[in-house]
Amino acid sequence: MGLNVSRTVAPAALAGIGTDIARVDRIVAAYGRHGDRFARRILGEHEWPVFERRKSRDLQRGMRYLATRFAAKEAFSKAIGLGMHSPMSWRRMEVINAPGGKPQVWLNEPLASWYAARFGAAHVSVSDEKDMVTAFVVVETQSAPGQQESS
């Protein structure tokens, strides 16, 4: 019996990887200097309400959420080979948790079209501890024309 752990198109090959590690205290310091303006610069429209909920319950939990999203966006930008250069920007890539909790990549335009023309599925993993967060992103190549998603 198998378990599909990601929606991928077969056969897939590795197109890029990216990783980032961030100190939570640096994110807290930036938030302390700039407040919600800093968070709104980093977070997309789907991430913002989650940040607000977490921050309202526990400020440190909110800061760790912000830090994981910061790290994931850095890791993604490395995996696609752009860094933080157009069409990549902070708010154009979001990390949305699936109902089971698995983080998934969500892209907004114009990054979404640019990405779809070049790559296949993207996978993201984030982890946080009290003082550090890390993110790892794997980007797949596109499948051959006519191939179906595996399930």
C-alpha atoms as a PDB file:
ATOM      1  CA  MET A   1       0.000   0.000   0.000  1.00  0.00           C
ATOM      2  CA  GLY A   2       1.402   3.380  -1.007  1.00  0.00           C
ATOM      3  CA  LEU A   3       0.860   6.899   0.192  1.00  0.00           C
ATOM      4  CA  ASN A   4       1.058   9.931  -2.077  1.00  0.00           C
ATOM      5  CA  VAL A   5       3.081  12.502  -0.173  1.00  0.00           C
ATOM      6  CA  SER A   6       3.080  15.173  -2.876  1.00  0.00           C
ATOM      7  CA  ARG A   7       1.239  16.091  -6.032  1.00  0.00           C
ATOM      8  CA  THR A   8       3.888  15.613  -8.670  1.00  0.00           C
ATOM      9  CA  VAL A   9       4.006  14.973 -12.380  1.00  0.00           C
ATOM     10  CA  ALA A  10       5.893  11.828 -13.345  1.00  0.00           C
ATOM     11  CA  PRO A  11       8.650  11.451 -14.227  1.00  0.00           C
ATOM     12  CA  ALA A  12      10.107  14.378 -12.347  1.00  0.00           C
ATOM     13  CA  ALA A  13      13.678  15.455 -11.919  1.00  0.00           C
ATOM     14  CA  LEU A  14      15.260  17.943  -9.595  1.00  0.00           C
ATOM     15  CA  ALA A  15      15.348  21.429 -11.072  1.00  0.00           C
ATOM     16  CA  GLY A  16      16.509  23.318  -7.994  1.00  0.00           C
ATOM     17  CA  ILE A  17      16.921  23.282  -4.252  1.00  0.00           C
ATOM     18  CA  GLY A  18      17.078  26.107  -1.769  1.00  0.00           C
ATOM     19  CA  THR A  19      17.521  26.367   1.954  1.00  0.00           C
ATOM     20  CA  ASP A  20      17.533  29.172   4.477  1.00  0.00           C
ATOM     21  CA  ILE A  21      17.979  29.521   8.202  1.00  0.00           C
ATOM     22  CA  ALA A  22      16.904  32.593  10.150  1.00  0.00           C
ATOM     23  CA  ARG A  23      17.315  33.781  13.702  1.00  0.00           C
ATOM     24  CA  VAL A  24      13.953  34.643  15.215  1.00  0.00           C
ATOM     25  CA  ASP A  25      15.479  37.549  17.177  1.00  0.00           C
ATOM     26  CA  ARG A  26      16.410  39.293  13.910  1.00  0.00           C
ATOM     27  CA  ILE A  27      12.809  39.045  12.700  1.00  0.00           C
ATOM     28  CA  VAL A  28      11.579  40.278  16.099  1.00  0.00           C
ATOM     29  CA  ALA A  29      13.994  43.233  15.891  1.00  0.00           C
ATOM     30  CA  ALA A  30      12.814  44.165  12.383  1.00  0.00           C
ATOM     31  CA  TYR A  31       9.198  43.858  13.506  1.00  0.00           C
ATOM     32  CA  GLY A  32      10.009  46.003  16.548  1.00  0.00           C
ATOM     33  CA  ARG A  33      11.435  48.747  14.317  1.00  0.00           C
ATOM     34  CA  HIS A  34       8.773  48.667  11.603  1.00  0.00           C
ATOM     35  CA  GLY A  35       5.742  46.902  13.096  1.00  0.00           C
ATOM     36  CA  ASP A  36       3.041  45.550  10.833  1.00  0.00           C
ATOM     37  CA  ARG A  37       4.575  47.398   7.877  1.00  0.00           C
ATOM     38  CA  PHE A  38       7.465  44.890   7.978  1.00  0.00           C
ATOM     39  CA  ALA A  39       5.129  41.905   8.237  1.00  0.00           C
ATOM     40  CA  ARG A  40       2.918  43.180   5.396  1.00  0.00           C
ATOM     41  CA  ARG A  41       6.003  43.544   3.196  1.00  0.00           C
ATOM     42  CA  ILE A  42       6.846  39.847   3.722  1.00  0.00           C
ATOM     43  CA  LEU A  43       3.452  38.136   3.980  1.00  0.00           C
ATOM     44  CA  GLY A  44       0.965  37.555   1.182  1.00  0.00           C
ATOM     45  CA  GLU A  45      -2.793  37.934   1.434  1.00  0.00           C
ATOM     46  CA  HIS A  46      -3.325  34.304   2.502  1.00  0.00           C
ATOM     47  CA  GLU A  47      -0.540  34.406   5.105  1.00  0.00           C
ATOM     48  CA  TRP A  48      -1.543  37.681   6.770  1.00  0.00           C
ATOM     49  CA  PRO A  49      -4.691  36.452   8.600  1.00  0.00           C
ATOM     50  CA  VAL A  50      -2.806  33.414   9.943  1.00  0.00           C
ATOM     51  CA  PHE A  51      -0.056  35.698  11.248  1.00  0.00           C
ATOM     52  CA  GLU A  52      -2.621  37.981  12.894  1.00  0.00           C
ATOM     53  CA  ARG A  53      -4.338  35.056  14.648  1.00  0.00           C
ATOM     54  CA  ARG A  54      -1.087  33.547  15.882  1.00  0.00           C
ATOM     55  CA  LYS A  55       0.302  36.905  16.984  1.00  0.00           C
ATOM     56  CA  SER A  56      -2.876  37.769  18.906  1.00  0.00           C
ATOM     57  CA  ARG A  57      -2.717  34.493  20.858  1.00  0.00           C
ATOM     58  CA  ASP A  58       1.043  34.479  21.454  1.00  0.00           C
ATOM     59  CA  LEU A  59       3.436  37.146  20.150  1.00  0.00           C
ATOM     60  CA  GLN A  60       6.376  34.729  19.983  1.00  0.00           C
ATOM     61  CA  ARG A  61       4.336  32.217  17.998  1.00  0.00           C
ATOM     62  CA  GLY A  62       3.432  34.980  15.563  1.00  0.00           C
ATOM     63  CA  MET A  63       7.087  35.968  15.221  1.00  0.00           C
ATOM     64  CA  ARG A  64       8.115  32.356  14.539  1.00  0.00           C
ATOM     65  CA  TYR A  65       5.400  32.129  11.863  1.00  0.00           C
ATOM     66  CA  LEU A  66       6.712  35.323  10.252  1.00  0.00           C
ATOM     67  CA  ALA A  67      10.274  33.990  10.441  1.00  0.00           C
ATOM     68  CA  THR A  68       9.359  30.655   8.817  1.00  0.00           C
ATOM     69  CA  ARG A  69       7.648  32.454   5.944  1.00  0.00           C
ATOM     70  CA  PHE A  70      10.652  34.746   5.535  1.00  0.00           C
ATOM     71  CA  ALA A  71      12.992  31.732   5.397  1.00  0.00           C
ATOM     72  CA  ALA A  72      10.727  29.808   3.006  1.00  0.00           C
ATOM     73  CA  LYS A  73      10.612  32.715   0.567  1.00  0.00           C
ATOM     74  CA  GLU A  74      14.401  33.034   0.687  1.00  0.00           C
ATOM     75  CA  ALA A  75      14.769  29.280   0.103  1.00  0.00           C
ATOM     76  CA  PHE A  76      12.285  29.337  -2.789  1.00  0.00           C
ATOM     77  CA  SER A  77      14.056  32.272  -4.433  1.00  0.00           C
ATOM     78  CA  LYS A  78      17.307  30.280  -4.298  1.00  0.00           C
ATOM     79  CA  ALA A  79      15.665  27.118  -5.665  1.00  0.00           C
ATOM     80  CA  ILE A  80      14.365  28.933  -8.748  1.00  0.00           C
ATOM     81  CA  GLY A  81      17.664  30.745  -9.257  1.00  0.00           C
ATOM     82  CA  LEU A  82      16.373  34.312  -9.067  1.00  0.00           C
ATOM     83  CA  GLY A  83      17.083  35.472  -5.569  1.00  0.00           C
ATOM     84  CA  MET A  84      14.820  38.390  -4.719  1.00  0.00           C
ATOM     85  CA  HIS A  85      14.667  39.724  -8.272  1.00  0.00           C
ATOM     86  CA  SER A  86      11.593  40.192 -10.451  1.00  0.00           C
ATOM     87  CA  PRO A  87       9.304  38.407 -10.943  1.00  0.00           C
ATOM     88  CA  MET A  88      10.141  36.968  -7.485  1.00  0.00           C
ATOM     89  CA  SER A  89       9.077  39.134  -4.571  1.00  0.00           C
ATOM     90  CA  TRP A  90       8.132  38.527  -0.960  1.00  0.00           C
ATOM     91  CA  ARG A  91       4.366  38.677  -1.432  1.00  0.00           C
ATOM     92  CA  ARG A  92       4.245  36.742  -4.714  1.00  0.00           C
ATOM     93  CA  MET A  93       5.259  33.472  -3.040  1.00  0.00           C
ATOM     94  CA  GLU A  94       3.206  32.247  -0.095  1.00  0.00           C
ATOM     95  CA  VAL A  95       3.355  29.190   2.115  1.00  0.00           C
ATOM     96  CA  ILE A  96      -0.143  27.901   2.815  1.00  0.00           C
ATOM     97  CA  ASN A  97      -0.827  24.944   5.070  1.00  0.00           C
ATOM     98  CA  ALA A  98      -3.038  22.193   3.634  1.00  0.00           C
ATOM     99  CA  PRO A  99      -5.877  20.959   5.890  1.00  0.00           C
ATOM    100  CA  GLY A 100      -3.569  18.270   7.308  1.00  0.00           C
ATOM    101  CA  GLY A 101      -0.897  20.874   8.075  1.00  0.00           C
ATOM    102  CA  LYS A 102       1.524  20.195   5.219  1.00  0.00           C
ATOM    103  CA  PRO A 103       2.995  23.453   3.923  1.00  0.00           C
ATOM    104  CA  GLN A 104       2.401  24.120   0.230  1.00  0.00           C
ATOM    105  CA  VAL A 105       3.710  26.721  -2.188  1.00  0.00           C
ATOM    106  CA  TRP A 106       1.178  29.256  -3.520  1.00  0.00           C
ATOM    107  CA  LEU A 107       2.299  31.674  -6.247  1.00  0.00           C
ATOM    108  CA  ASN A 108       0.740  34.975  -7.260  1.00  0.00           C
ATOM    109  CA  GLU A 109       1.120  36.750 -10.610  1.00  0.00           C
ATOM    110  CA  PRO A 110       3.354  37.531 -12.390  1.00  0.00           C
ATOM    111  CA  LEU A 111       5.558  34.970 -10.641  1.00  0.00           C
ATOM    112  CA  ALA A 112       2.971  32.206 -11.136  1.00  0.00           C
ATOM    113  CA  SER A 113       3.088  32.426 -14.952  1.00  0.00           C
ATOM    114  CA  TRP A 114       6.870  32.784 -15.030  1.00  0.00           C
ATOM    115  CA  TYR A 115       7.239  29.721 -12.805  1.00  0.00           C
ATOM    116  CA  ALA A 116       4.688  27.575 -14.690  1.00  0.00           C
ATOM    117  CA  ALA A 117       6.598  28.121 -17.943  1.00  0.00           C
ATOM    118  CA  ARG A 118       9.810  26.765 -16.403  1.00  0.00           C
ATOM    119  CA  PHE A 119       9.182  24.343 -13.547  1.00  0.00           C
ATOM    120  CA  GLY A 120       6.947  21.568 -12.242  1.00  0.00           C
ATOM    121  CA  ALA A 121       5.858  20.975  -8.644  1.00  0.00           C
ATOM    122  CA  ALA A 122       7.492  22.739  -5.697  1.00  0.00           C
ATOM    123  CA  HIS A 123       7.800  21.287  -2.210  1.00  0.00           C
ATOM    124  CA  VAL A 124       8.532  23.232   0.955  1.00  0.00           C
ATOM    125  CA  SER A 125       9.390  22.212   4.489  1.00  0.00           C
ATOM    126  CA  VAL A 126       9.678  24.614   7.415  1.00  0.00           C
ATOM    127  CA  SER A 127      10.729  24.047  10.987  1.00  0.00           C
ATOM    128  CA  ASP A 128      10.941  26.349  13.962  1.00  0.00           C
ATOM    129  CA  GLU A 129      12.434  26.324  17.412  1.00  0.00           C
ATOM    130  CA  LYS A 130      12.449  29.048  20.021  1.00  0.00           C
ATOM    131  CA  ASP A 131      15.359  30.968  18.493  1.00  0.00           C
ATOM    132  CA  MET A 132      15.853  29.604  14.945  1.00  0.00           C
ATOM    133  CA  VAL A 133      13.792  28.649  11.911  1.00  0.00           C
ATOM    134  CA  THR A 134      14.733  26.791   8.774  1.00  0.00           C
ATOM    135  CA  ALA A 135      13.164  26.201   5.384  1.00  0.00           C
ATOM    136  CA  PHE A 136      13.990  23.818   2.568  1.00  0.00           C
ATOM    137  CA  VAL A 137      12.517  23.954  -0.939  1.00  0.00           C
ATOM    138  CA  VAL A 138      12.732  21.432  -3.774  1.00  0.00           C
ATOM    139  CA  VAL A 139      11.603  22.404  -7.258  1.00  0.00           C
ATOM    140  CA  GLU A 140      10.918  19.771  -9.913  1.00  0.00           C
ATOM    141  CA  THR A 141      11.354  19.984 -13.659  1.00  0.00           C
ATOM    142  CA  GLN A 142       8.329  20.043 -15.909  1.00  0.00           C
ATOM    143  CA  SER A 143       7.011  16.724 -17.128  1.00  0.00           C
ATOM    144  CA  ALA A 144       7.008  15.687 -20.737  1.00  0.00           C
ATOM    145  CA  PRO A 145       3.926  16.881 -22.663  1.00  0.00           C
ATOM    146  CA  GLY A 146       0.888  14.674 -22.215  1.00  0.00           C
ATOM    147  CA  GLN A 147       1.910  13.101 -18.913  1.00  0.00           C
ATOM    148  CA  GLN A 148      -0.633  13.046 -16.108  1.00  0.00           C
ATOM    149  CA  GLU A 149      -0.333  13.902 -12.434  1.00  0.00           C
ATOM    150  CA  SER A 150       0.337  10.893 -10.259  1.00  0.00           C
ATOM    151  CA  SER A 151      -1.881  10.237  -7.282  1.00  0.00           C
END
